[in-house]
Amino acid sequence: MDIRDNKQHGDFAVTMVNDIVLVNAEGPWNAECVENFGLTYAATVYNSGMPRWADIVVLDGESLLVPDAERALCERIGRAITAGLVQVYIVTEKSRTAATSIRQIKKLYEPYKITVDYVSELDSATELAHAAGFDVDRDCILAFFTC
């Protein structure tokens, strides 16, 4: 089911592999995109029964949020942390606005007590996730982000 509408700016794909949520996020994003992302994330993660998980987010393109999207995503981050999100890995290798995106994302996570690692390559994110005890299936992760 495709829940995106024509008002959405930005795109995303979400899946869960073991205890890691994979997010391929192509920006820039508006509030409609964040709303659709939140619905997809909730359907993917909250129904999985996982008590704790990590996110690996690959930023693509102009990976920035407009102000109303920023506020909406901050709320959704809080919900995810309350439900079991314990670690986030932000991958910037495909982002054309990496430095600015990192500053914006740091602000989003600032109110919450959660570790966010910023890395330039997907391999670094999977290595860090593995070292932190998450069930990393590198083949599935690479397949998701190369499609």
N, C-alpha and C. Protein backbone atom coordinates (compact mmCIF):
# COMPACT_ATOMS: atom_id res chain seq x y z
N MET A 1 0.85 -1.18 0.00
CA MET A 1 0.00 0.00 0.00
C MET A 1 0.89 1.24 0.00
N ASP A 2 0.66 2.12 -0.92
CA ASP A 2 1.43 3.36 -1.01
C ASP A 2 0.63 4.46 -0.33
N ILE A 3 1.18 5.00 0.77
CA ILE A 3 0.43 6.00 1.53
C ILE A 3 0.90 7.42 1.23
N ARG A 4 1.79 7.56 0.27
CA ARG A 4 2.28 8.90 -0.07
C ARG A 4 1.25 9.63 -0.93
N ASP A 5 1.23 10.92 -0.84
CA ASP A 5 0.34 11.70 -1.68
C ASP A 5 1.15 12.74 -2.44
N ASN A 6 0.49 13.47 -3.32
CA ASN A 6 1.20 14.40 -4.19
C ASN A 6 1.69 15.66 -3.48
N LYS A 7 1.34 15.85 -2.21
CA LYS A 7 1.83 17.01 -1.47
C LYS A 7 3.17 16.72 -0.81
N GLN A 8 3.58 15.47 -0.83
CA GLN A 8 4.81 15.07 -0.16
C GLN A 8 6.03 15.50 -0.95
N HIS A 9 6.99 16.07 -0.24
CA HIS A 9 8.30 16.37 -0.81
C HIS A 9 9.31 15.58 -0.01
N GLY A 10 10.14 14.85 -0.71
CA GLY A 10 11.08 13.94 -0.08
C GLY A 10 10.56 12.53 -0.23
N ASP A 11 11.42 11.58 0.04
CA ASP A 11 11.03 10.19 -0.10
C ASP A 11 11.76 9.36 0.94
N PHE A 12 11.28 8.18 1.18
CA PHE A 12 11.88 7.29 2.16
C PHE A 12 11.50 5.86 1.85
N ALA A 13 12.29 4.95 2.37
CA ALA A 13 11.96 3.53 2.38
C ALA A 13 12.36 3.03 3.76
N VAL A 14 11.54 2.16 4.34
CA VAL A 14 11.77 1.65 5.69
C VAL A 14 11.58 0.14 5.70
N THR A 15 12.47 -0.54 6.38
CA THR A 15 12.30 -1.97 6.66
C THR A 15 12.99 -2.29 7.96
N MET A 16 12.69 -3.45 8.50
CA MET A 16 13.33 -3.88 9.74
C MET A 16 14.02 -5.20 9.48
N VAL A 17 15.29 -5.26 9.85
CA VAL A 17 16.07 -6.49 9.74
C VAL A 17 16.54 -6.83 11.14
N ASN A 18 15.98 -7.89 11.70
CA ASN A 18 16.26 -8.30 13.07
C ASN A 18 15.90 -7.17 14.02
N ASP A 19 16.86 -6.62 14.74
CA ASP A 19 16.56 -5.54 15.68
C ASP A 19 17.11 -4.20 15.20
N ILE A 20 17.17 -4.04 13.88
CA ILE A 20 17.65 -2.79 13.29
C ILE A 20 16.64 -2.31 12.25
N VAL A 21 16.21 -1.07 12.40
CA VAL A 21 15.34 -0.44 11.42
C VAL A 21 16.23 0.28 10.41
N LEU A 22 15.99 0.01 9.14
CA LEU A 22 16.75 0.64 8.06
C LEU A 22 15.88 1.71 7.42
N VAL A 23 16.45 2.90 7.28
CA VAL A 23 15.71 4.01 6.69
C VAL A 23 16.57 4.62 5.59
N ASN A 24 16.07 4.59 4.38
CA ASN A 24 16.72 5.28 3.26
C ASN A 24 15.92 6.55 3.05
N ALA A 25 16.51 7.69 3.36
CA ALA A 25 15.78 8.96 3.40
C ALA A 25 16.36 9.94 2.38
N GLU A 26 15.55 10.26 1.38
CA GLU A 26 15.98 11.20 0.34
C GLU A 26 15.24 12.52 0.52
N GLY A 27 16.00 13.57 0.76
CA GLY A 27 15.39 14.87 1.04
C GLY A 27 15.53 15.82 -0.12
N PRO A 28 15.00 17.01 0.09
CA PRO A 28 14.48 17.60 1.33
C PRO A 28 13.08 17.08 1.66
N TRP A 29 12.71 17.19 2.96
CA TRP A 29 11.45 16.64 3.43
C TRP A 29 10.53 17.73 3.95
N ASN A 30 9.24 17.53 3.69
CA ASN A 30 8.24 18.43 4.27
C ASN A 30 7.41 17.65 5.29
N ALA A 31 6.44 18.31 5.90
CA ALA A 31 5.64 17.70 6.97
C ALA A 31 4.84 16.50 6.47
N GLU A 32 4.34 16.56 5.25
CA GLU A 32 3.58 15.43 4.71
C GLU A 32 4.46 14.19 4.60
N CYS A 33 5.69 14.38 4.19
CA CYS A 33 6.62 13.26 4.09
C CYS A 33 6.89 12.69 5.48
N VAL A 34 7.12 13.54 6.46
CA VAL A 34 7.38 13.08 7.82
C VAL A 34 6.16 12.35 8.38
N GLU A 35 4.96 12.83 8.09
CA GLU A 35 3.74 12.16 8.54
C GLU A 35 3.67 10.75 7.93
N ASN A 36 3.89 10.64 6.64
CA ASN A 36 3.86 9.33 5.99
C ASN A 36 4.97 8.43 6.50
N PHE A 37 6.14 9.01 6.74
CA PHE A 37 7.23 8.24 7.31
C PHE A 37 6.84 7.71 8.69
N GLY A 38 6.25 8.56 9.52
CA GLY A 38 5.85 8.13 10.86
C GLY A 38 4.87 6.97 10.83
N LEU A 39 3.92 7.01 9.92
CA LEU A 39 2.95 5.92 9.79
C LEU A 39 3.64 4.63 9.36
N THR A 40 4.54 4.74 8.40
CA THR A 40 5.26 3.56 7.90
C THR A 40 6.18 3.00 8.97
N TYR A 41 6.89 3.88 9.66
CA TYR A 41 7.80 3.45 10.74
C TYR A 41 7.01 2.73 11.82
N ALA A 42 5.89 3.30 12.24
CA ALA A 42 5.07 2.70 13.28
C ALA A 42 4.58 1.32 12.87
N ALA A 43 4.08 1.20 11.65
CA ALA A 43 3.59 -0.09 11.17
C ALA A 43 4.71 -1.12 11.09
N THR A 44 5.90 -0.68 10.76
CA THR A 44 7.04 -1.58 10.62
C THR A 44 7.58 -2.00 11.98
N VAL A 45 7.78 -1.06 12.87
CA VAL A 45 8.51 -1.32 14.11
C VAL A 45 7.60 -1.70 15.26
N TYR A 46 6.59 -0.93 15.52
CA TYR A 46 5.79 -1.14 16.71
C TYR A 46 5.06 -2.48 16.68
N ASN A 47 4.77 -2.99 15.51
CA ASN A 47 4.11 -4.28 15.39
C ASN A 47 5.09 -5.45 15.39
N SER A 48 6.37 -5.17 15.44
CA SER A 48 7.38 -6.24 15.38
C SER A 48 7.52 -6.98 16.70
N GLY A 49 7.12 -6.35 17.79
CA GLY A 49 7.28 -6.96 19.10
C GLY A 49 8.68 -6.81 19.67
N MET A 50 9.57 -6.10 18.97
CA MET A 50 10.93 -5.88 19.48
C MET A 50 10.88 -4.93 20.66
N PRO A 51 11.49 -5.30 21.79
CA PRO A 51 11.49 -4.40 22.95
C PRO A 51 12.52 -3.28 22.83
N ARG A 52 13.56 -3.50 22.00
CA ARG A 52 14.58 -2.46 21.79
C ARG A 52 15.14 -2.65 20.38
N TRP A 53 15.54 -1.54 19.78
CA TRP A 53 16.08 -1.60 18.44
C TRP A 53 16.95 -0.38 18.18
N ALA A 54 17.66 -0.46 17.05
CA ALA A 54 18.48 0.65 16.56
C ALA A 54 17.96 1.06 15.20
N ASP A 55 18.25 2.29 14.82
CA ASP A 55 17.97 2.77 13.46
C ASP A 55 19.29 3.00 12.75
N ILE A 56 19.35 2.58 11.49
CA ILE A 56 20.41 3.01 10.58
C ILE A 56 19.73 3.84 9.51
N VAL A 57 20.08 5.11 9.45
CA VAL A 57 19.45 6.05 8.53
C VAL A 57 20.50 6.53 7.53
N VAL A 58 20.24 6.26 6.25
CA VAL A 58 21.13 6.75 5.20
C VAL A 58 20.47 7.99 4.59
N LEU A 59 21.16 9.12 4.71
CA LEU A 59 20.68 10.38 4.16
C LEU A 59 21.09 10.47 2.70
N ASP A 60 20.17 10.93 1.87
CA ASP A 60 20.43 11.00 0.43
C ASP A 60 19.96 12.36 -0.09
N GLY A 61 20.73 12.93 -0.99
CA GLY A 61 20.33 14.18 -1.62
C GLY A 61 20.46 15.36 -0.69
N GLU A 62 19.53 16.30 -0.82
CA GLU A 62 19.49 17.47 0.05
C GLU A 62 18.74 17.06 1.32
N SER A 63 19.45 16.49 2.23
CA SER A 63 18.86 15.84 3.40
C SER A 63 18.55 16.84 4.51
N LEU A 64 17.59 17.70 4.23
CA LEU A 64 17.18 18.74 5.17
C LEU A 64 15.68 18.71 5.37
N LEU A 65 15.25 19.17 6.53
CA LEU A 65 13.84 19.25 6.88
C LEU A 65 13.41 20.71 6.92
N VAL A 66 12.24 21.01 6.35
CA VAL A 66 11.67 22.34 6.53
C VAL A 66 11.22 22.43 7.99
N PRO A 67 11.02 23.65 8.55
CA PRO A 67 10.73 23.78 9.98
C PRO A 67 9.54 22.96 10.49
N ASP A 68 8.42 22.91 9.76
CA ASP A 68 7.29 22.13 10.28
C ASP A 68 7.59 20.63 10.24
N ALA A 69 8.39 20.19 9.29
CA ALA A 69 8.79 18.78 9.24
C ALA A 69 9.75 18.46 10.38
N GLU A 70 10.60 19.41 10.70
CA GLU A 70 11.55 19.24 11.81
C GLU A 70 10.79 19.03 13.13
N ARG A 71 9.80 19.86 13.37
CA ARG A 71 8.99 19.73 14.59
C ARG A 71 8.26 18.38 14.63
N ALA A 72 7.68 18.00 13.49
CA ALA A 72 6.94 16.73 13.42
C ALA A 72 7.86 15.53 13.65
N LEU A 73 9.06 15.57 13.09
CA LEU A 73 9.98 14.46 13.27
C LEU A 73 10.48 14.38 14.70
N CYS A 74 10.71 15.50 15.34
CA CYS A 74 11.15 15.51 16.73
C CYS A 74 10.13 14.79 17.62
N GLU A 75 8.85 15.03 17.40
CA GLU A 75 7.80 14.35 18.16
C GLU A 75 7.85 12.85 17.93
N ARG A 76 8.04 12.44 16.69
CA ARG A 76 8.08 11.02 16.36
C ARG A 76 9.32 10.34 16.95
N ILE A 77 10.41 11.05 17.01
CA ILE A 77 11.62 10.51 17.65
C ILE A 77 11.33 10.23 19.11
N GLY A 78 10.67 11.14 19.78
CA GLY A 78 10.31 10.93 21.18
C GLY A 78 9.46 9.69 21.38
N ARG A 79 8.49 9.48 20.50
CA ARG A 79 7.64 8.29 20.59
C ARG A 79 8.45 7.02 20.38
N ALA A 80 9.35 7.04 19.41
CA ALA A 80 10.16 5.86 19.13
C ALA A 80 11.06 5.52 20.31
N ILE A 81 11.64 6.52 20.93
CA ILE A 81 12.52 6.29 22.08
C ILE A 81 11.72 5.70 23.24
N THR A 82 10.53 6.23 23.46
CA THR A 82 9.67 5.69 24.52
C THR A 82 9.31 4.24 24.25
N ALA A 83 9.15 3.88 22.97
CA ALA A 83 8.75 2.52 22.61
C ALA A 83 9.91 1.53 22.56
N GLY A 84 11.18 2.01 22.49
CA GLY A 84 12.29 1.06 22.48
C GLY A 84 13.49 1.41 21.63
N LEU A 85 13.47 2.52 20.91
CA LEU A 85 14.63 2.94 20.14
C LEU A 85 15.75 3.33 21.10
N VAL A 86 16.93 2.69 20.96
CA VAL A 86 18.02 2.94 21.90
C VAL A 86 19.29 3.47 21.24
N GLN A 87 19.39 3.40 19.93
CA GLN A 87 20.63 3.80 19.25
C GLN A 87 20.29 4.21 17.82
N VAL A 88 20.97 5.23 17.32
CA VAL A 88 20.75 5.70 15.95
C VAL A 88 22.11 5.88 15.28
N TYR A 89 22.19 5.43 14.05
CA TYR A 89 23.38 5.62 13.22
C TYR A 89 22.94 6.42 11.99
N ILE A 90 23.52 7.58 11.80
CA ILE A 90 23.21 8.44 10.67
C ILE A 90 24.37 8.33 9.68
N VAL A 91 24.07 7.92 8.46
CA VAL A 91 25.09 7.72 7.42
C VAL A 91 24.96 8.85 6.41
N THR A 92 26.06 9.57 6.19
CA THR A 92 26.01 10.79 5.37
C THR A 92 26.64 10.66 3.98
N GLU A 93 27.09 9.47 3.59
CA GLU A 93 27.85 9.35 2.35
C GLU A 93 27.09 9.80 1.10
N LYS A 94 25.76 9.76 1.09
CA LYS A 94 24.98 10.16 -0.09
C LYS A 94 24.37 11.55 0.05
N SER A 95 24.60 12.18 1.19
CA SER A 95 24.01 13.49 1.44
C SER A 95 24.82 14.59 0.76
N ARG A 96 24.12 15.49 0.08
CA ARG A 96 24.80 16.65 -0.52
C ARG A 96 24.90 17.82 0.48
N THR A 97 24.26 17.65 1.63
CA THR A 97 24.25 18.71 2.65
C THR A 97 24.65 18.14 4.01
N ALA A 98 25.64 17.28 4.03
CA ALA A 98 25.97 16.50 5.24
C ALA A 98 26.20 17.37 6.47
N ALA A 99 27.04 18.38 6.38
CA ALA A 99 27.37 19.19 7.56
C ALA A 99 26.12 19.89 8.12
N THR A 100 25.33 20.48 7.26
CA THR A 100 24.11 21.16 7.70
C THR A 100 23.10 20.15 8.23
N SER A 101 23.00 19.00 7.57
CA SER A 101 22.07 17.95 8.01
C SER A 101 22.43 17.45 9.39
N ILE A 102 23.71 17.24 9.64
CA ILE A 102 24.14 16.78 10.96
C ILE A 102 23.76 17.79 12.03
N ARG A 103 23.97 19.06 11.77
CA ARG A 103 23.59 20.10 12.74
C ARG A 103 22.08 20.05 13.03
N GLN A 104 21.30 19.89 11.97
CA GLN A 104 19.85 19.85 12.14
C GLN A 104 19.43 18.60 12.91
N ILE A 105 20.00 17.46 12.59
CA ILE A 105 19.64 16.21 13.25
C ILE A 105 20.07 16.23 14.72
N LYS A 106 21.22 16.79 15.00
CA LYS A 106 21.66 16.89 16.40
C LYS A 106 20.63 17.64 17.24
N LYS A 107 20.06 18.70 16.67
CA LYS A 107 19.02 19.46 17.38
C LYS A 107 17.79 18.60 17.64
N LEU A 108 17.45 17.73 16.69
CA LEU A 108 16.27 16.88 16.85
C LEU A 108 16.41 15.90 18.01
N TYR A 109 17.61 15.35 18.18
CA TYR A 109 17.84 14.35 19.21
C TYR A 109 18.27 14.96 20.55
N GLU A 110 18.61 16.23 20.56
CA GLU A 110 19.12 16.89 21.75
C GLU A 110 18.23 16.72 22.99
N PRO A 111 16.89 16.80 22.86
CA PRO A 111 16.05 16.68 24.06
C PRO A 111 16.03 15.27 24.67
N TYR A 112 16.56 14.29 23.94
CA TYR A 112 16.43 12.90 24.36
C TYR A 112 17.77 12.31 24.78
N LYS A 113 17.71 11.37 25.68
CA LYS A 113 18.92 10.69 26.12
C LYS A 113 19.11 9.44 25.28
N ILE A 114 19.71 9.61 24.13
CA ILE A 114 19.96 8.50 23.22
C ILE A 114 21.27 8.79 22.48
N THR A 115 21.99 7.72 22.19
CA THR A 115 23.25 7.88 21.47
C THR A 115 22.99 7.91 19.97
N VAL A 116 23.54 8.91 19.31
CA VAL A 116 23.45 9.03 17.85
C VAL A 116 24.88 9.11 17.33
N ASP A 117 25.23 8.18 16.45
CA ASP A 117 26.55 8.20 15.82
C ASP A 117 26.39 8.68 14.38
N TYR A 118 27.28 9.57 13.97
CA TYR A 118 27.29 10.11 12.62
C TYR A 118 28.50 9.53 11.91
N VAL A 119 28.26 8.81 10.82
CA VAL A 119 29.34 8.16 10.09
C VAL A 119 29.20 8.48 8.60
N SER A 120 30.30 8.39 7.90
CA SER A 120 30.25 8.73 6.48
C SER A 120 29.96 7.52 5.60
N GLU A 121 30.08 6.30 6.14
CA GLU A 121 29.86 5.11 5.31
C GLU A 121 28.97 4.10 6.01
N LEU A 122 28.17 3.38 5.23
CA LEU A 122 27.27 2.37 5.76
C LEU A 122 28.03 1.27 6.50
N ASP A 123 29.18 0.87 5.99
CA ASP A 123 29.98 -0.17 6.66
C ASP A 123 30.32 0.23 8.09
N SER A 124 30.62 1.50 8.30
CA SER A 124 30.92 1.97 9.66
C SER A 124 29.71 1.83 10.57
N ALA A 125 28.54 2.13 10.05
CA ALA A 125 27.31 2.01 10.84
C ALA A 125 27.05 0.56 11.21
N THR A 126 27.23 -0.36 10.27
CA THR A 126 26.98 -1.77 10.58
C THR A 126 28.01 -2.30 11.57
N GLU A 127 29.24 -1.86 11.46
CA GLU A 127 30.28 -2.29 12.41
C GLU A 127 29.97 -1.78 13.82
N LEU A 128 29.56 -0.52 13.92
CA LEU A 128 29.21 0.04 15.22
C LEU A 128 27.99 -0.67 15.82
N ALA A 129 27.00 -0.95 14.99
CA ALA A 129 25.80 -1.65 15.46
C ALA A 129 26.15 -3.04 15.96
N HIS A 130 26.99 -3.73 15.23
CA HIS A 130 27.42 -5.07 15.65
C HIS A 130 28.17 -4.99 16.98
N ALA A 131 29.08 -4.03 17.10
CA ALA A 131 29.84 -3.87 18.34
C ALA A 131 28.94 -3.52 19.53
N ALA A 132 27.82 -2.87 19.26
CA ALA A 132 26.88 -2.50 20.32
C ALA A 132 25.92 -3.64 20.67
N GLY A 133 26.06 -4.78 19.98
CA GLY A 133 25.25 -5.94 20.32
C GLY A 133 23.99 -6.13 19.51
N PHE A 134 23.82 -5.36 18.45
CA PHE A 134 22.64 -5.55 17.61
C PHE A 134 22.89 -6.69 16.63
N ASP A 135 21.81 -7.32 16.17
CA ASP A 135 21.87 -8.48 15.29
C ASP A 135 21.99 -8.01 13.84
N VAL A 136 23.21 -7.78 13.41
CA VAL A 136 23.49 -7.20 12.10
C VAL A 136 23.55 -8.29 11.04
N ASP A 137 22.71 -8.16 10.02
CA ASP A 137 22.77 -9.03 8.85
C ASP A 137 23.25 -8.15 7.70
N ARG A 138 24.56 -8.10 7.52
CA ARG A 138 25.17 -7.17 6.55
C ARG A 138 24.62 -7.36 5.13
N ASP A 139 24.40 -8.62 4.73
CA ASP A 139 23.91 -8.87 3.38
C ASP A 139 22.53 -8.25 3.16
N CYS A 140 21.63 -8.42 4.12
CA CYS A 140 20.29 -7.83 4.01
C CYS A 140 20.35 -6.31 4.05
N ILE A 141 21.20 -5.79 4.90
CA ILE A 141 21.33 -4.34 5.01
C ILE A 141 21.85 -3.75 3.71
N LEU A 142 22.90 -4.33 3.17
CA LEU A 142 23.46 -3.84 1.90
C LEU A 142 22.44 -3.97 0.78
N ALA A 143 21.72 -5.09 0.74
CA ALA A 143 20.71 -5.29 -0.31
C ALA A 143 19.64 -4.22 -0.25
N PHE A 144 19.20 -3.85 0.95
CA PHE A 144 18.17 -2.83 1.10
C PHE A 144 18.64 -1.48 0.57
N PHE A 145 19.85 -1.11 0.91
CA PHE A 145 20.33 0.22 0.52
C PHE A 145 20.86 0.29 -0.90
N THR A 146 21.02 -0.83 -1.58
CA THR A 146 21.49 -0.79 -2.97
C THR A 146 20.37 -0.94 -3.97
N CYS A 147 19.16 -1.19 -3.48
CA CYS A 147 18.02 -1.32 -4.41
C CYS A 147 17.49 0.02 -4.84
